[in-house]
Amino acid sequence: MTQHEITGNAPDRAVLWDLDGVIVDTAPLHLWSWQKAFGEIGVPFSESDFKRGFGQRTSEIIRQVLGPNVDQRQLDALTERKEAYFRSVAAAGVDALPGARDLVMALRAAGWAQSIASSAPLENVDLLLNALSIRNYMEAVVAARDVSVGKPAPDVFLVAAARVGVEPARCVVIEDAIAGVEAAKAAGMKCVAVTNTHSADHLARADLVVDSLEQLAAEDFARLLSQR
């Protein structure tokens, strides 16, 4: 049951969470899955390739590696294999990143609406939220299938804001990816970036950059909204 359902009060501010690399460290699992899927067709996939595409949709990462004119059937098949590999290893167990679960609960207690806003397939998002037992803290879940264009376009955050019933200017995004920060700013939202995937220099467009979610409290988000 969500905070809105418990209190009957419509929220007037929201935190929109990216998932991979923010709430849970899935980077090693994704890298392994990409390398296995590309390796099966004889295409190398480096850590640099991985970092360049992190935070973007699976189809966009494939186009970055194979080219923009990749055959649709090959794209679909490679997408399916990569995500199946990821879910097979993620199902063995994942852990929340330091401070993530505590911050989710603190924001709930402070009256913030919360939503997942991820570039990942819904099946991945469902698996991770269930494994971490935080689904009930989210008023909405937005995944790749809910938008036609992925990050750095703002669509995923705008859809999440609409689903929780909060104006974009009253939303704060938590991201770890360059594309995600760009998407948040394009949506007209405040953005907190955590340096789990990229250095602070690469995330400089965010309104606040931290090294760990353990450094954040609900008051920090209220302070961001008060800034012009």
C-alpha atoms as a PDB file:
ATOM      1  CA  MET A   1       0.000   0.000   0.000  1.00  0.00           C
ATOM      2  CA  THR A   2       1.364   3.424  -0.955  1.00  0.00           C
ATOM      3  CA  GLN A   3       1.591   6.539   1.199  1.00  0.00           C
ATOM      4  CA  HIS A   4      -1.218   8.154  -0.800  1.00  0.00           C
ATOM      5  CA  GLU A   5      -3.482   5.171  -0.185  1.00  0.00           C
ATOM      6  CA  ILE A   6      -2.666   5.186   3.530  1.00  0.00           C
ATOM      7  CA  THR A   7      -3.288   8.886   4.162  1.00  0.00           C
ATOM      8  CA  GLY A   8      -5.777   9.741   1.428  1.00  0.00           C
ATOM      9  CA  ASN A   9      -3.786  12.920   0.763  1.00  0.00           C
ATOM     10  CA  ALA A  10      -2.460  13.740  -2.695  1.00  0.00           C
ATOM     11  CA  PRO A  11       1.330  14.285  -2.646  1.00  0.00           C
ATOM     12  CA  ASP A  12       2.750  17.652  -3.677  1.00  0.00           C
ATOM     13  CA  ARG A  13       6.372  16.555  -4.099  1.00  0.00           C
ATOM     14  CA  ALA A  14       8.051  13.433  -5.402  1.00  0.00           C
ATOM     15  CA  VAL A  15      11.360  11.632  -5.666  1.00  0.00           C
ATOM     16  CA  LEU A  16      11.871   9.718  -8.905  1.00  0.00           C
ATOM     17  CA  TRP A  17      14.412   6.939  -8.578  1.00  0.00           C
ATOM     18  CA  ASP A  18      16.579   5.388 -11.208  1.00  0.00           C
ATOM     19  CA  LEU A  19      17.137   1.761 -10.206  1.00  0.00           C
ATOM     20  CA  ASP A  20      20.290   0.157 -11.616  1.00  0.00           C
ATOM     21  CA  GLY A  21      23.356   1.809 -10.132  1.00  0.00           C
ATOM     22  CA  VAL A  22      21.326   3.897  -7.681  1.00  0.00           C
ATOM     23  CA  ILE A  23      19.308   1.528  -5.513  1.00  0.00           C
ATOM     24  CA  VAL A  24      21.108  -1.677  -6.470  1.00  0.00           C
ATOM     25  CA  ASP A  25      24.562  -2.394  -7.903  1.00  0.00           C
ATOM     26  CA  THR A  26      23.813  -4.459 -10.984  1.00  0.00           C
ATOM     27  CA  ALA A  27      26.716  -3.185 -13.101  1.00  0.00           C
ATOM     28  CA  PRO A  28      28.814  -6.394 -12.886  1.00  0.00           C
ATOM     29  CA  LEU A  29      25.765  -8.487 -13.795  1.00  0.00           C
ATOM     30  CA  HIS A  30      24.893  -6.296 -16.767  1.00  0.00           C
ATOM     31  CA  LEU A  31      28.496  -6.246 -18.016  1.00  0.00           C
ATOM     32  CA  TRP A  32      28.708 -10.040 -17.842  1.00  0.00           C
ATOM     33  CA  SER A  33      25.367 -10.370 -19.644  1.00  0.00           C
ATOM     34  CA  TRP A  34      26.398  -7.979 -22.414  1.00  0.00           C
ATOM     35  CA  GLN A  35      29.742  -9.681 -22.934  1.00  0.00           C
ATOM     36  CA  LYS A  36      28.115 -13.104 -23.091  1.00  0.00           C
ATOM     37  CA  ALA A  37      25.408 -12.002 -25.546  1.00  0.00           C
ATOM     38  CA  PHE A  38      27.795 -10.115 -27.840  1.00  0.00           C
ATOM     39  CA  GLY A  39      30.420 -12.839 -27.535  1.00  0.00           C
ATOM     40  CA  GLU A  40      27.987 -15.350 -29.012  1.00  0.00           C
ATOM     41  CA  ILE A  41      27.966 -13.353 -32.258  1.00  0.00           C
ATOM     42  CA  GLY A  42      31.709 -12.678 -32.201  1.00  0.00           C
ATOM     43  CA  VAL A  43      31.508  -9.016 -31.208  1.00  0.00           C
ATOM     44  CA  PRO A  44      33.736  -7.687 -28.399  1.00  0.00           C
ATOM     45  CA  PHE A  45      32.121  -5.555 -25.697  1.00  0.00           C
ATOM     46  CA  SER A  46      34.467  -3.619 -23.421  1.00  0.00           C
ATOM     47  CA  GLU A  47      33.989  -1.854 -20.111  1.00  0.00           C
ATOM     48  CA  SER A  48      34.255   1.406 -22.058  1.00  0.00           C
ATOM     49  CA  ASP A  49      31.352   0.301 -24.259  1.00  0.00           C
ATOM     50  CA  PHE A  50      29.421  -0.522 -21.115  1.00  0.00           C
ATOM     51  CA  LYS A  51      30.053   2.817 -19.423  1.00  0.00           C
ATOM     52  CA  ARG A  52      29.237   4.772 -22.572  1.00  0.00           C
ATOM     53  CA  GLY A  53      25.771   3.249 -22.751  1.00  0.00           C
ATOM     54  CA  PHE A  54      24.992   2.921 -19.052  1.00  0.00           C
ATOM     55  CA  GLY A  55      21.542   4.245 -18.209  1.00  0.00           C
ATOM     56  CA  GLN A  56      20.238   3.918 -21.758  1.00  0.00           C
ATOM     57  CA  ARG A  57      17.803   1.427 -23.230  1.00  0.00           C
ATOM     58  CA  THR A  58      19.074  -1.970 -24.333  1.00  0.00           C
ATOM     59  CA  SER A  59      18.211  -1.282 -27.973  1.00  0.00           C
ATOM     60  CA  GLU A  60      20.206   1.961 -27.979  1.00  0.00           C
ATOM     61  CA  ILE A  61      23.284   0.256 -26.533  1.00  0.00           C
ATOM     62  CA  ILE A  62      23.099  -2.406 -29.241  1.00  0.00           C
ATOM     63  CA  ARG A  63      22.897   0.293 -31.924  1.00  0.00           C
ATOM     64  CA  GLN A  64      25.948   2.008 -30.443  1.00  0.00           C
ATOM     65  CA  VAL A  65      27.936  -1.209 -30.852  1.00  0.00           C
ATOM     66  CA  LEU A  66      26.525  -2.671 -34.091  1.00  0.00           C
ATOM     67  CA  GLY A  67      25.580   0.565 -35.820  1.00  0.00           C
ATOM     68  CA  PRO A  68      22.310   2.452 -36.288  1.00  0.00           C
ATOM     69  CA  ASN A  69      21.165   0.255 -39.189  1.00  0.00           C
ATOM     70  CA  VAL A  70      21.304  -3.064 -37.342  1.00  0.00           C
ATOM     71  CA  ASP A  71      18.689  -5.539 -38.566  1.00  0.00           C
ATOM     72  CA  GLN A  72      15.579  -5.416 -36.377  1.00  0.00           C
ATOM     73  CA  ARG A  73      15.432  -9.197 -36.012  1.00  0.00           C
ATOM     74  CA  GLN A  74      19.033  -9.298 -34.815  1.00  0.00           C
ATOM     75  CA  LEU A  75      18.377  -6.400 -32.444  1.00  0.00           C
ATOM     76  CA  ASP A  76      15.326  -8.117 -30.953  1.00  0.00           C
ATOM     77  CA  ALA A  77      17.096 -11.463 -30.580  1.00  0.00           C
ATOM     78  CA  LEU A  78      20.172  -9.913 -28.973  1.00  0.00           C
ATOM     79  CA  THR A  79      18.009  -7.859 -26.617  1.00  0.00           C
ATOM     80  CA  GLU A  80      16.116 -10.955 -25.523  1.00  0.00           C
ATOM     81  CA  ARG A  81      19.284 -12.980 -24.918  1.00  0.00           C
ATOM     82  CA  LYS A  82      21.058 -10.228 -23.009  1.00  0.00           C
ATOM     83  CA  GLU A  83      18.121  -9.564 -20.683  1.00  0.00           C
ATOM     84  CA  ALA A  84      17.518 -13.277 -20.133  1.00  0.00           C
ATOM     85  CA  TYR A  85      21.150 -13.689 -19.094  1.00  0.00           C
ATOM     86  CA  PHE A  86      20.827 -10.733 -16.733  1.00  0.00           C
ATOM     87  CA  ARG A  87      17.688 -12.057 -15.058  1.00  0.00           C
ATOM     88  CA  SER A  88      19.226 -15.498 -14.666  1.00  0.00           C
ATOM     89  CA  VAL A  89      22.120 -14.133 -12.599  1.00  0.00           C
ATOM     90  CA  ALA A  90      20.117 -11.429 -10.798  1.00  0.00           C
ATOM     91  CA  ALA A  91      17.640 -14.060  -9.618  1.00  0.00           C
ATOM     92  CA  ALA A  92      20.418 -15.559  -7.508  1.00  0.00           C
ATOM     93  CA  GLY A  93      20.257 -12.483  -5.284  1.00  0.00           C
ATOM     94  CA  VAL A  94      21.024  -8.761  -5.253  1.00  0.00           C
ATOM     95  CA  ASP A  95      21.727  -6.314  -2.449  1.00  0.00           C
ATOM     96  CA  ALA A  96      20.648  -2.709  -2.031  1.00  0.00           C
ATOM     97  CA  LEU A  97      23.441  -0.156  -2.215  1.00  0.00           C
ATOM     98  CA  PRO A  98      24.429   1.509   1.086  1.00  0.00           C
ATOM     99  CA  GLY A  99      21.801   3.936   2.299  1.00  0.00           C
ATOM    100  CA  ALA A 100      19.229   3.121  -0.391  1.00  0.00           C
ATOM    101  CA  ARG A 101      16.640   1.296   1.678  1.00  0.00           C
ATOM    102  CA  ASP A 102      16.967   3.715   4.605  1.00  0.00           C
ATOM    103  CA  LEU A 103      16.480   6.708   2.308  1.00  0.00           C
ATOM    104  CA  VAL A 104      13.414   5.161   0.665  1.00  0.00           C
ATOM    105  CA  MET A 105      11.864   4.699   4.098  1.00  0.00           C
ATOM    106  CA  ALA A 106      12.883   8.182   5.294  1.00  0.00           C
ATOM    107  CA  LEU A 107      11.282   9.800   2.259  1.00  0.00           C
ATOM    108  CA  ARG A 108       8.094   7.832   2.860  1.00  0.00           C
ATOM    109  CA  ALA A 109       8.032   9.010   6.482  1.00  0.00           C
ATOM    110  CA  ALA A 110       8.529  12.616   5.341  1.00  0.00           C
ATOM    111  CA  GLY A 111       5.522  12.437   3.013  1.00  0.00           C
ATOM    112  CA  TRP A 112       7.254  12.254  -0.365  1.00  0.00           C
ATOM    113  CA  ALA A 113       5.671  10.359  -3.234  1.00  0.00           C
ATOM    114  CA  GLN A 114       8.167   8.000  -4.857  1.00  0.00           C
ATOM    115  CA  SER A 115       8.432   6.289  -8.220  1.00  0.00           C
ATOM    116  CA  ILE A 116      10.889   4.124 -10.085  1.00  0.00           C
ATOM    117  CA  ALA A 117      11.820   5.676 -13.456  1.00  0.00           C
ATOM    118  CA  SER A 118      14.078   3.184 -15.210  1.00  0.00           C
ATOM    119  CA  SER A 119      15.353   2.497 -18.720  1.00  0.00           C
ATOM    120  CA  ALA A 120      15.279  -1.227 -17.956  1.00  0.00           C
ATOM    121  CA  PRO A 121      12.667  -3.740 -19.135  1.00  0.00           C
ATOM    122  CA  LEU A 122       9.763  -4.097 -16.720  1.00  0.00           C
ATOM    123  CA  GLU A 123      10.672  -7.747 -16.084  1.00  0.00           C
ATOM    124  CA  ASN A 124      14.065  -6.649 -14.736  1.00  0.00           C
ATOM    125  CA  VAL A 125      12.525  -3.906 -12.618  1.00  0.00           C
ATOM    126  CA  ASP A 126       9.955  -6.295 -11.140  1.00  0.00           C
ATOM    127  CA  LEU A 127      12.647  -8.837 -10.276  1.00  0.00           C
ATOM    128  CA  LEU A 128      14.821  -6.261  -8.503  1.00  0.00           C
ATOM    129  CA  LEU A 129      12.024  -4.514  -6.601  1.00  0.00           C
ATOM    130  CA  ASN A 130      10.687  -7.827  -5.339  1.00  0.00           C
ATOM    131  CA  ALA A 131      14.167  -8.989  -4.331  1.00  0.00           C
ATOM    132  CA  LEU A 132      14.767  -5.760  -2.386  1.00  0.00           C
ATOM    133  CA  SER A 133      11.257  -5.668  -0.843  1.00  0.00           C
ATOM    134  CA  ILE A 134      10.718  -1.986  -1.642  1.00  0.00           C
ATOM    135  CA  ARG A 135       7.888  -2.142  -4.183  1.00  0.00           C
ATOM    136  CA  ASN A 136       5.298  -1.050  -1.616  1.00  0.00           C
ATOM    137  CA  TYR A 137       7.171   2.207  -1.060  1.00  0.00           C
ATOM    138  CA  MET A 138       6.648   3.232  -4.691  1.00  0.00           C
ATOM    139  CA  GLU A 139       3.515   5.015  -5.879  1.00  0.00           C
ATOM    140  CA  ALA A 140       4.432   4.165  -9.473  1.00  0.00           C
ATOM    141  CA  VAL A 141       6.858   2.108 -11.535  1.00  0.00           C
ATOM    142  CA  VAL A 142       7.871   3.344 -14.989  1.00  0.00           C
ATOM    143  CA  ALA A 143      10.070   1.171 -17.210  1.00  0.00           C
ATOM    144  CA  ALA A 144      11.301   1.025 -20.802  1.00  0.00           C
ATOM    145  CA  ARG A 145       8.014  -0.147 -22.285  1.00  0.00           C
ATOM    146  CA  ASP A 146       6.168   2.884 -20.905  1.00  0.00           C
ATOM    147  CA  VAL A 147       7.961   5.384 -23.159  1.00  0.00           C
ATOM    148  CA  SER A 148       8.879   5.450 -26.826  1.00  0.00           C
ATOM    149  CA  VAL A 149      12.186   7.273 -26.312  1.00  0.00           C
ATOM    150  CA  GLY A 150      14.710   6.496 -23.578  1.00  0.00           C
ATOM    151  CA  LYS A 151      17.121   8.639 -21.597  1.00  0.00           C
ATOM    152  CA  PRO A 152      18.601  11.229 -22.209  1.00  0.00           C
ATOM    153  CA  ALA A 153      15.120  12.192 -23.431  1.00  0.00           C
ATOM    154  CA  PRO A 154      12.989  13.291 -20.446  1.00  0.00           C
ATOM    155  CA  ASP A 155      10.009  11.043 -21.193  1.00  0.00           C
ATOM    156  CA  VAL A 156      10.510   8.440 -18.454  1.00  0.00           C
ATOM    157  CA  PHE A 157      10.625  11.116 -15.749  1.00  0.00           C
ATOM    158  CA  LEU A 158       7.682  13.051 -17.152  1.00  0.00           C
ATOM    159  CA  VAL A 159       5.577   9.880 -17.227  1.00  0.00           C
ATOM    160  CA  ALA A 160       6.600   9.058 -13.651  1.00  0.00           C
ATOM    161  CA  ALA A 161       5.663  12.562 -12.481  1.00  0.00           C
ATOM    162  CA  ALA A 162       2.282  12.283 -14.174  1.00  0.00           C
ATOM    163  CA  ARG A 163       1.596   8.903 -12.592  1.00  0.00           C
ATOM    164  CA  VAL A 164       2.254  10.165  -9.074  1.00  0.00           C
ATOM    165  CA  GLY A 165       0.328  13.365  -9.799  1.00  0.00           C
ATOM    166  CA  VAL A 166       3.157  15.806  -9.086  1.00  0.00           C
ATOM    167  CA  GLU A 167       4.300  18.698 -11.277  1.00  0.00           C
ATOM    168  CA  PRO A 168       7.795  18.230 -12.780  1.00  0.00           C
ATOM    169  CA  ALA A 169       9.092  21.306 -10.955  1.00  0.00           C
ATOM    170  CA  ARG A 170       8.186  19.587  -7.662  1.00  0.00           C
ATOM    171  CA  CYS A 171      10.140  16.418  -8.474  1.00  0.00           C
ATOM    172  CA  VAL A 172      13.687  15.427  -7.562  1.00  0.00           C
ATOM    173  CA  VAL A 173      15.417  12.714  -9.580  1.00  0.00           C
ATOM    174  CA  ILE A 174      18.126  10.418  -8.181  1.00  0.00           C
ATOM    175  CA  GLU A 175      20.506   9.213 -10.900  1.00  0.00           C
ATOM    176  CA  ASP A 176      23.956   7.754 -11.449  1.00  0.00           C
ATOM    177  CA  ALA A 177      24.188   7.945 -15.243  1.00  0.00           C
ATOM    178  CA  ILE A 178      25.101  10.878 -17.461  1.00  0.00           C
ATOM    179  CA  ALA A 179      22.101  10.184 -19.702  1.00  0.00           C
ATOM    180  CA  GLY A 180      19.859  10.117 -16.641  1.00  0.00           C
ATOM    181  CA  VAL A 181      21.079  13.467 -15.355  1.00  0.00           C
ATOM    182  CA  GLU A 182      20.519  14.978 -18.796  1.00  0.00           C
ATOM    183  CA  ALA A 183      17.009  13.506 -18.883  1.00  0.00           C
ATOM    184  CA  ALA A 184      16.162  14.934 -15.460  1.00  0.00           C
ATOM    185  CA  LYS A 185      17.303  18.420 -16.420  1.00  0.00           C
ATOM    186  CA  ALA A 186      15.432  18.211 -19.733  1.00  0.00           C
ATOM    187  CA  ALA A 187      12.301  17.366 -17.718  1.00  0.00           C
ATOM    188  CA  GLY A 188      12.716  20.544 -15.663  1.00  0.00           C
ATOM    189  CA  MET A 189      13.440  18.633 -12.464  1.00  0.00           C
ATOM    190  CA  LYS A 190      16.041  18.892  -9.737  1.00  0.00           C
ATOM    191  CA  CYS A 191      18.584  16.087  -9.816  1.00  0.00           C
ATOM    192  CA  VAL A 192      20.758  14.352  -7.249  1.00  0.00           C
ATOM    193  CA  ALA A 193      23.580  12.301  -8.752  1.00  0.00           C
ATOM    194  CA  VAL A 194      25.464   9.570  -6.920  1.00  0.00           C
ATOM    195  CA  THR A 195      28.957   8.634  -8.091  1.00  0.00           C
ATOM    196  CA  ASN A 196      28.389   4.881  -8.208  1.00  0.00           C
ATOM    197  CA  THR A 197      29.044   4.673 -11.951  1.00  0.00           C
ATOM    198  CA  HIS A 198      30.640   7.951 -13.053  1.00  0.00           C
ATOM    199  CA  SER A 199      32.904  10.506 -11.412  1.00  0.00           C
ATOM    200  CA  ALA A 200      31.551  13.781 -10.058  1.00  0.00           C
ATOM    201  CA  ASP A 201      33.047  15.676 -13.005  1.00  0.00           C
ATOM    202  CA  HIS A 202      30.889  13.710 -15.442  1.00  0.00           C
ATOM    203  CA  LEU A 203      27.760  14.352 -13.362  1.00  0.00           C
ATOM    204  CA  ALA A 204      28.312  18.080 -12.917  1.00  0.00           C
ATOM    205  CA  ARG A 205      24.945  19.065 -14.425  1.00  0.00           C
ATOM    206  CA  ALA A 206      23.185  17.596 -11.393  1.00  0.00           C
ATOM    207  CA  ASP A 207      22.051  19.999  -8.674  1.00  0.00           C
ATOM    208  CA  LEU A 208      23.743  17.912  -5.995  1.00  0.00           C
ATOM    209  CA  VAL A 209      26.416  15.217  -6.345  1.00  0.00           C
ATOM    210  CA  VAL A 210      27.169  12.740  -3.552  1.00  0.00           C
ATOM    211  CA  ASP A 211      29.388   9.694  -3.228  1.00  0.00           C
ATOM    212  CA  SER A 212      26.794   7.646  -1.356  1.00  0.00           C
ATOM    213  CA  LEU A 213      23.088   7.725  -0.564  1.00  0.00           C
ATOM    214  CA  GLU A 214      24.168   7.499   3.068  1.00  0.00           C
ATOM    215  CA  GLN A 215      25.041  11.199   2.802  1.00  0.00           C
ATOM    216  CA  LEU A 216      21.419  12.154   2.103  1.00  0.00           C
ATOM    217  CA  ALA A 217      18.403  12.868   4.308  1.00  0.00           C
ATOM    218  CA  ALA A 218      14.844  13.817   3.411  1.00  0.00           C
ATOM    219  CA  GLU A 219      15.626  17.425   4.341  1.00  0.00           C
ATOM    220  CA  ASP A 220      18.169  17.634   1.519  1.00  0.00           C
ATOM    221  CA  PHE A 221      15.425  17.033  -1.032  1.00  0.00           C
ATOM    222  CA  ALA A 222      13.179  19.703   0.467  1.00  0.00           C
ATOM    223  CA  ARG A 223      16.123  22.093   0.352  1.00  0.00           C
ATOM    224  CA  LEU A 224      16.649  21.400  -3.349  1.00  0.00           C
ATOM    225  CA  LEU A 225      13.031  22.208  -4.162  1.00  0.00           C
ATOM    226  CA  SER A 226      13.349  25.519  -2.331  1.00  0.00           C
ATOM    227  CA  GLN A 227      16.196  26.567  -4.634  1.00  0.00           C
ATOM    228  CA  ARG A 228      15.498  28.338  -7.893  1.00  0.00           C
END
